[in-house]
N, C-alpha and C. Protein backbone atom coordinates (compact mmCIF):
# COMPACT_ATOMS: atom_id res chain seq x y z
N THR A 1 -11.91 29.05 6.69
CA THR A 1 -12.47 29.26 8.00
C THR A 1 -13.20 28.10 8.45
N ILE A 2 -13.11 27.61 9.57
CA ILE A 2 -13.87 26.64 10.09
C ILE A 2 -14.51 27.18 11.57
N GLN A 3 -15.80 26.96 11.61
CA GLN A 3 -16.45 27.49 12.82
C GLN A 3 -17.20 26.39 13.55
N LEU A 4 -16.58 25.97 14.83
CA LEU A 4 -17.31 25.08 15.55
C LEU A 4 -18.26 25.64 16.61
N ILE A 5 -19.41 25.11 16.64
CA ILE A 5 -20.37 25.49 17.73
C ILE A 5 -20.60 24.28 18.52
N PHE A 6 -20.36 24.45 19.72
CA PHE A 6 -20.79 23.42 20.62
C PHE A 6 -22.09 23.97 21.33
N GLY A 7 -23.10 23.00 21.53
CA GLY A 7 -24.38 23.61 22.28
C GLY A 7 -24.73 22.53 23.44
N VAL A 8 -24.90 23.08 24.64
CA VAL A 8 -25.33 22.29 25.75
C VAL A 8 -26.64 22.76 26.15
N TYR A 9 -27.67 21.91 26.19
CA TYR A 9 -29.05 22.05 26.57
C TYR A 9 -29.29 21.75 27.82
N ASP A 10 -29.67 22.54 28.67
CA ASP A 10 -30.19 22.34 30.12
C ASP A 10 -31.76 22.33 30.05
N SER A 11 -32.28 21.22 29.96
CA SER A 11 -33.66 21.17 30.01
C SER A 11 -34.33 20.57 31.26
N GLY A 12 -33.48 20.31 32.25
CA GLY A 12 -33.91 19.80 33.37
C GLY A 12 -34.37 20.85 34.40
N ASP A 13 -33.82 21.89 34.59
CA ASP A 13 -34.36 22.80 35.53
C ASP A 13 -33.83 24.07 35.14
N GLY A 14 -34.28 25.13 35.75
CA GLY A 14 -34.08 26.50 35.42
C GLY A 14 -32.76 27.22 36.41
N SER A 15 -32.61 26.58 37.52
CA SER A 15 -31.80 27.05 38.50
C SER A 15 -30.18 26.53 38.56
N LEU A 16 -30.09 25.54 37.73
CA LEU A 16 -28.62 24.94 37.72
C LEU A 16 -28.12 25.12 36.40
N ASP A 17 -26.87 25.33 36.11
CA ASP A 17 -26.21 25.69 34.71
C ASP A 17 -25.54 24.35 34.46
N SER A 18 -25.26 24.07 33.28
CA SER A 18 -24.41 22.88 32.85
C SER A 18 -22.98 23.31 32.42
N THR A 19 -22.04 22.43 32.49
CA THR A 19 -20.61 22.61 32.19
C THR A 19 -20.29 21.50 31.34
N THR A 20 -19.59 21.78 30.21
CA THR A 20 -18.87 20.74 29.49
C THR A 20 -17.47 20.89 29.35
N ILE A 21 -16.76 19.90 29.65
CA ILE A 21 -15.23 19.94 29.40
C ILE A 21 -14.96 18.98 28.11
N ILE A 22 -14.18 19.61 27.32
CA ILE A 22 -13.84 18.73 25.96
C ILE A 22 -12.19 18.36 26.28
N ASP A 23 -11.99 17.23 26.23
CA ASP A 23 -10.41 16.94 26.45
C ASP A 23 -10.01 15.98 25.40
N GLY A 24 -8.87 16.14 24.92
CA GLY A 24 -8.23 15.38 23.88
C GLY A 24 -8.81 15.45 22.36
N PHE A 25 -9.34 16.78 22.19
CA PHE A 25 -9.81 17.01 20.97
C PHE A 25 -8.77 16.90 19.90
N ASN A 26 -9.27 16.10 18.87
CA ASN A 26 -8.36 16.00 17.59
C ASN A 26 -9.03 16.33 16.38
N TRP A 27 -8.24 16.95 15.30
CA TRP A 27 -8.79 17.09 13.98
C TRP A 27 -8.57 15.93 13.13
N SER A 28 -9.16 15.51 12.44
CA SER A 28 -9.01 14.17 11.66
C SER A 28 -9.68 14.16 10.18
N ALA A 29 -8.89 13.94 9.12
CA ALA A 29 -9.28 13.93 7.78
C ALA A 29 -10.01 12.59 7.29
N GLU A 30 -10.12 11.68 8.29
CA GLU A 30 -10.71 10.53 8.06
C GLU A 30 -12.28 10.82 8.19
N PRO A 31 -13.15 10.05 7.32
CA PRO A 31 -14.55 10.12 7.40
C PRO A 31 -15.06 9.74 8.70
N ALA A 32 -16.24 10.45 9.10
CA ALA A 32 -16.90 9.99 10.27
C ALA A 32 -17.36 8.67 10.23
N LYS A 33 -17.43 7.83 11.28
CA LYS A 33 -18.08 6.34 11.26
C LYS A 33 -19.43 6.65 11.95
N THR A 34 -20.45 5.77 11.30
CA THR A 34 -21.75 5.82 12.18
C THR A 34 -22.05 4.54 12.51
N GLY A 35 -22.79 4.19 13.43
CA GLY A 35 -23.29 2.99 13.75
C GLY A 35 -22.21 2.06 14.56
N THR A 36 -22.01 1.01 13.81
CA THR A 36 -21.06 -0.22 14.14
C THR A 36 -20.22 0.08 15.41
N THR A 37 -19.23 0.78 15.47
CA THR A 37 -18.41 1.21 16.68
C THR A 37 -18.90 2.10 17.50
N ASP A 38 -19.32 3.25 17.06
CA ASP A 38 -19.80 4.47 17.75
C ASP A 38 -21.28 4.26 18.30
N ALA A 39 -21.96 3.58 17.62
CA ALA A 39 -23.42 3.25 18.22
C ALA A 39 -23.25 2.45 19.50
N CYS A 40 -22.51 1.55 19.65
CA CYS A 40 -22.47 0.44 20.61
C CYS A 40 -21.82 1.21 21.88
N LEU A 41 -21.37 2.36 21.91
CA LEU A 41 -20.99 3.05 23.04
C LEU A 41 -21.82 3.93 23.87
N GLY A 42 -22.83 4.46 23.20
CA GLY A 42 -23.67 5.38 23.94
C GLY A 42 -24.95 5.83 23.25
N GLY A 43 -25.81 5.03 22.69
CA GLY A 43 -26.93 5.44 22.11
C GLY A 43 -27.16 5.80 20.48
N GLY A 44 -25.96 5.74 19.94
CA GLY A 44 -25.94 5.79 18.41
C GLY A 44 -25.64 7.06 17.84
N THR A 45 -25.30 6.96 16.56
CA THR A 45 -24.93 8.11 15.79
C THR A 45 -25.53 8.02 14.49
N GLY A 46 -25.62 9.15 13.72
CA GLY A 46 -26.45 9.08 12.48
C GLY A 46 -27.83 9.07 12.41
N THR A 47 -28.38 8.52 11.41
CA THR A 47 -29.92 8.31 11.41
C THR A 47 -30.08 6.91 12.30
N CYS A 48 -31.54 7.08 12.60
CA CYS A 48 -31.91 5.92 13.36
C CYS A 48 -31.83 4.66 12.27
N ASP A 49 -32.00 4.51 11.13
CA ASP A 49 -32.11 3.48 10.30
C ASP A 49 -30.67 3.00 10.03
N THR A 50 -29.70 3.99 9.88
CA THR A 50 -28.42 3.65 9.74
C THR A 50 -27.59 3.01 10.91
N CYS A 51 -27.98 3.51 12.09
CA CYS A 51 -27.49 3.00 13.26
C CYS A 51 -28.05 1.62 13.60
N VAL A 52 -29.26 1.22 13.26
CA VAL A 52 -29.86 0.07 13.49
C VAL A 52 -29.17 -0.90 12.44
N SER A 53 -29.13 -0.42 11.33
CA SER A 53 -28.48 -1.51 10.25
C SER A 53 -27.03 -1.91 10.71
N ASP A 54 -26.29 -0.68 10.95
CA ASP A 54 -24.81 -0.87 11.32
C ASP A 54 -24.71 -1.81 12.56
N ALA A 55 -25.58 -1.77 13.48
CA ALA A 55 -25.42 -2.40 14.74
C ALA A 55 -25.83 -3.90 14.67
N SER A 56 -26.91 -4.16 13.50
CA SER A 56 -27.58 -5.42 13.51
C SER A 56 -26.65 -6.26 12.64
N PHE A 57 -25.96 -5.88 11.62
CA PHE A 57 -25.33 -6.69 10.65
C PHE A 57 -23.88 -6.70 10.86
N GLY A 58 -23.24 -7.58 10.21
CA GLY A 58 -21.65 -7.65 10.11
C GLY A 58 -21.27 -7.88 11.52
N SER A 59 -20.32 -6.87 11.84
CA SER A 59 -19.53 -6.89 13.38
C SER A 59 -20.37 -6.16 14.27
N GLY A 60 -21.64 -5.79 13.88
CA GLY A 60 -22.15 -4.71 14.69
C GLY A 60 -22.53 -5.46 16.03
N CYS A 61 -22.62 -4.53 17.04
CA CYS A 61 -22.67 -5.03 18.46
C CYS A 61 -23.84 -5.51 18.88
N CYS A 62 -24.89 -5.55 17.99
CA CYS A 62 -26.12 -6.34 18.29
C CYS A 62 -26.36 -7.56 17.12
N ALA A 63 -25.31 -7.69 16.31
CA ALA A 63 -25.37 -8.64 15.28
C ALA A 63 -25.75 -10.21 15.88
N ALA A 64 -25.20 -10.50 16.98
CA ALA A 64 -25.48 -11.83 17.48
C ALA A 64 -26.76 -12.14 17.92
N GLN A 65 -27.41 -11.01 18.33
CA GLN A 65 -28.77 -10.97 18.95
C GLN A 65 -29.67 -11.16 17.63
N TRP A 66 -29.45 -10.45 16.63
CA TRP A 66 -30.25 -10.54 15.51
C TRP A 66 -29.98 -11.69 14.72
N LYS A 67 -28.80 -12.23 14.70
CA LYS A 67 -28.58 -13.42 14.01
C LYS A 67 -29.36 -14.80 14.67
N SER A 68 -29.29 -14.72 16.04
CA SER A 68 -30.00 -15.67 16.90
C SER A 68 -31.46 -15.60 16.57
N CYS A 69 -32.07 -14.37 16.51
CA CYS A 69 -33.40 -14.15 16.25
C CYS A 69 -33.88 -14.59 14.87
N GLN A 70 -33.15 -14.47 13.85
CA GLN A 70 -33.28 -14.87 12.54
C GLN A 70 -33.04 -16.39 12.35
N ASN A 71 -32.38 -16.81 13.09
CA ASN A 71 -32.04 -18.35 12.92
C ASN A 71 -33.07 -19.18 13.81
N ASN A 72 -33.96 -18.47 14.45
CA ASN A 72 -35.10 -19.10 15.18
C ASN A 72 -36.47 -18.83 14.31
N GLN A 73 -37.03 -20.07 13.97
CA GLN A 73 -38.17 -19.89 13.02
C GLN A 73 -39.33 -19.09 13.73
N SER A 74 -39.64 -19.10 14.97
CA SER A 74 -40.62 -18.25 15.55
C SER A 74 -40.33 -16.74 15.63
N CYS A 75 -39.23 -16.31 15.88
CA CYS A 75 -38.52 -15.24 15.92
C CYS A 75 -38.56 -14.48 14.58
N ALA A 76 -38.07 -15.39 13.58
CA ALA A 76 -37.92 -14.87 12.26
C ALA A 76 -39.28 -14.42 11.65
N LYS A 77 -40.28 -15.53 11.95
CA LYS A 77 -41.56 -15.31 11.55
C LYS A 77 -42.15 -14.00 12.31
N LEU A 78 -42.10 -13.75 13.56
CA LEU A 78 -42.28 -12.48 14.30
C LEU A 78 -42.06 -11.30 13.56
N THR A 79 -40.58 -11.24 13.23
CA THR A 79 -39.98 -9.96 12.77
C THR A 79 -40.70 -9.69 11.25
N GLY A 80 -40.89 -10.84 10.48
CA GLY A 80 -41.38 -10.61 9.36
C GLY A 80 -42.89 -10.33 9.46
N CYS A 81 -43.62 -10.69 10.13
CA CYS A 81 -45.07 -10.36 10.38
C CYS A 81 -45.16 -8.89 10.96
N LEU A 82 -44.26 -8.49 11.80
CA LEU A 82 -44.39 -7.08 12.43
C LEU A 82 -44.14 -6.06 11.30
N THR A 83 -43.15 -6.36 10.44
CA THR A 83 -42.83 -5.60 9.25
C THR A 83 -44.10 -5.46 8.44
N LEU A 84 -44.74 -6.30 8.19
CA LEU A 84 -45.90 -6.27 7.42
C LEU A 84 -46.94 -5.51 8.05
N CYS A 85 -47.05 -5.33 9.35
CA CYS A 85 -48.25 -4.77 10.14
C CYS A 85 -48.19 -3.18 10.15
N ASN A 86 -46.84 -2.50 9.66
CA ASN A 86 -46.69 -1.10 9.81
C ASN A 86 -47.24 -0.70 11.31
N SER A 87 -48.12 0.19 11.54
CA SER A 87 -48.60 0.58 12.58
C SER A 87 -49.69 0.19 13.18
N ASN A 88 -50.40 -0.99 12.61
CA ASN A 88 -51.60 -1.65 12.99
C ASN A 88 -51.35 -2.35 14.34
N ALA A 89 -52.02 -1.76 15.42
CA ALA A 89 -51.64 -2.51 16.64
C ALA A 89 -52.20 -3.87 16.81
N ASN A 90 -53.43 -4.14 15.99
CA ASN A 90 -54.12 -5.45 16.24
C ASN A 90 -53.42 -6.41 15.49
N CYS A 91 -52.88 -5.90 14.30
CA CYS A 91 -52.09 -6.86 13.66
C CYS A 91 -50.76 -7.24 14.37
N LYS A 92 -50.15 -6.31 15.02
CA LYS A 92 -48.98 -6.55 15.76
C LYS A 92 -49.29 -7.47 16.92
N GLN A 93 -50.33 -7.50 17.53
CA GLN A 93 -50.74 -8.18 18.70
C GLN A 93 -50.83 -9.68 18.25
N GLY A 94 -51.46 -9.69 17.11
CA GLY A 94 -51.72 -11.16 16.20
C GLY A 94 -50.40 -11.81 16.15
N CYS A 95 -49.31 -11.10 15.67
CA CYS A 95 -47.96 -11.71 15.30
C CYS A 95 -47.46 -11.95 16.65
N PHE A 96 -47.46 -11.30 17.75
CA PHE A 96 -46.88 -11.71 19.07
C PHE A 96 -47.70 -12.98 19.60
N THR A 97 -49.04 -13.06 19.25
CA THR A 97 -49.83 -14.19 19.67
C THR A 97 -49.30 -15.52 19.04
N ASN A 98 -49.26 -15.31 17.77
CA ASN A 98 -48.89 -16.50 16.79
C ASN A 98 -47.66 -16.82 16.77
N ASN A 99 -46.65 -16.01 17.26
CA ASN A 99 -45.28 -16.31 17.40
C ASN A 99 -44.55 -16.10 18.55
N ALA A 100 -45.43 -16.54 19.87
CA ALA A 100 -44.83 -16.15 21.21
C ALA A 100 -43.55 -16.80 21.44
N ALA A 101 -43.10 -18.02 20.87
CA ALA A 101 -41.89 -18.73 21.29
C ALA A 101 -40.83 -17.74 20.80
N GLY A 102 -41.01 -16.86 19.54
CA GLY A 102 -40.00 -16.12 19.31
C GLY A 102 -39.78 -14.87 20.02
N LYS A 103 -40.62 -14.35 20.77
CA LYS A 103 -40.59 -13.05 21.49
C LYS A 103 -39.41 -12.97 22.52
N PRO A 104 -38.87 -13.96 23.29
CA PRO A 104 -37.77 -13.64 24.08
C PRO A 104 -36.40 -13.21 23.26
N LEU A 105 -36.26 -13.97 22.05
CA LEU A 105 -35.11 -13.55 21.19
C LEU A 105 -35.33 -12.19 20.49
N TYR A 106 -36.57 -11.97 20.36
CA TYR A 106 -36.97 -10.54 19.64
C TYR A 106 -36.62 -9.54 20.69
N ASP A 107 -37.13 -9.77 21.79
CA ASP A 107 -36.88 -8.83 22.94
C ASP A 107 -35.47 -8.55 23.39
N ALA A 108 -34.76 -9.44 23.11
CA ALA A 108 -33.20 -9.38 23.44
C ALA A 108 -32.46 -8.64 22.30
N THR A 109 -32.95 -8.72 20.99
CA THR A 109 -32.48 -7.83 19.93
C THR A 109 -32.98 -6.36 20.23
N LEU A 110 -34.22 -6.20 20.59
CA LEU A 110 -34.57 -4.79 20.82
C LEU A 110 -33.87 -4.37 21.96
N GLU A 111 -33.57 -4.95 23.09
CA GLU A 111 -32.89 -4.35 24.22
C GLU A 111 -31.52 -4.02 23.79
N CYS A 112 -31.04 -4.78 23.02
CA CYS A 112 -29.55 -4.38 22.65
C CYS A 112 -29.68 -3.28 21.69
N LEU A 113 -30.33 -3.03 20.96
CA LEU A 113 -30.81 -1.78 19.90
C LEU A 113 -31.03 -0.54 20.75
N TYR A 114 -32.07 -0.63 21.61
CA TYR A 114 -32.85 0.40 22.14
C TYR A 114 -32.61 0.62 23.68
N GLY A 115 -32.03 -0.33 24.34
CA GLY A 115 -31.92 -0.31 25.77
C GLY A 115 -33.05 -1.18 26.43
N LYS A 116 -32.99 -1.26 27.77
CA LYS A 116 -33.95 -2.02 28.55
C LYS A 116 -35.33 -1.08 28.81
N VAL A 117 -36.29 -1.74 28.68
CA VAL A 117 -37.55 -1.17 28.70
C VAL A 117 -37.77 -0.61 30.22
N ASN A 118 -38.09 0.60 30.46
CA ASN A 118 -38.48 1.07 31.71
C ASN A 118 -37.16 1.23 32.63
N VAL A 119 -35.97 1.27 32.04
CA VAL A 119 -34.76 1.52 32.95
C VAL A 119 -34.15 2.84 32.37
N ILE A 120 -34.04 3.71 33.32
CA ILE A 120 -33.60 5.00 33.03
C ILE A 120 -32.13 5.04 32.62
N ASN A 121 -31.68 5.74 31.71
CA ASN A 121 -30.51 5.70 31.11
C ASN A 121 -29.81 4.38 30.41
N SER A 122 -30.88 3.57 30.12
CA SER A 122 -30.51 2.43 29.21
C SER A 122 -30.92 2.76 27.85
N VAL A 123 -29.80 3.02 27.16
CA VAL A 123 -30.08 3.58 25.74
C VAL A 123 -29.71 2.51 24.54
N GLY A 124 -29.12 1.49 24.93
CA GLY A 124 -28.62 0.42 24.01
C GLY A 124 -27.88 1.05 22.88
N ALA A 125 -27.61 0.37 21.72
CA ALA A 125 -26.91 0.89 20.57
C ALA A 125 -27.41 2.12 20.15
N CYS A 126 -28.72 2.18 19.81
CA CYS A 126 -29.34 3.40 19.06
C CYS A 126 -30.38 3.94 19.58
N GLY A 127 -30.56 3.80 20.98
CA GLY A 127 -31.70 4.50 21.70
C GLY A 127 -31.81 5.75 21.60
N LEU A 128 -30.75 6.39 21.64
CA LEU A 128 -30.76 8.03 21.64
C LEU A 128 -31.09 8.62 20.16
N VAL A 129 -30.75 8.07 19.14
CA VAL A 129 -31.00 8.43 17.78
C VAL A 129 -32.31 7.95 17.28
N CYS A 130 -32.94 6.94 17.76
CA CYS A 130 -34.07 6.41 17.51
C CYS A 130 -35.34 6.76 18.47
N LYS A 131 -35.32 7.87 19.19
CA LYS A 131 -36.25 8.23 20.24
C LYS A 131 -37.71 8.38 19.53
């Protein structure tokens, strides 16, 4: 016995209901894919780390942006520096100051992965699973 549970959460208001139509549903014995293909279509699947990894490497939809960043000395230094900072805001600011030339390529990678900053409904490859 297999039980499917579909949940629709209406968190916008208390007066309107939500409806979902599922069309073309198929069973498959193939394992589910995370990241690479699915992530690029609407905000990601799986865990945040898996989605980012799948989207950034190989044939992932953000691989070109990541590769451009890593092939640029300032952007590569920026990503390395930020990794060492963890959550220290002063350290991160220092990384951006010292590697300012790499910021445009870094921002392009983030935009691909997480969507445009301050743009409603811009989720990028992994913006939904990495909230």
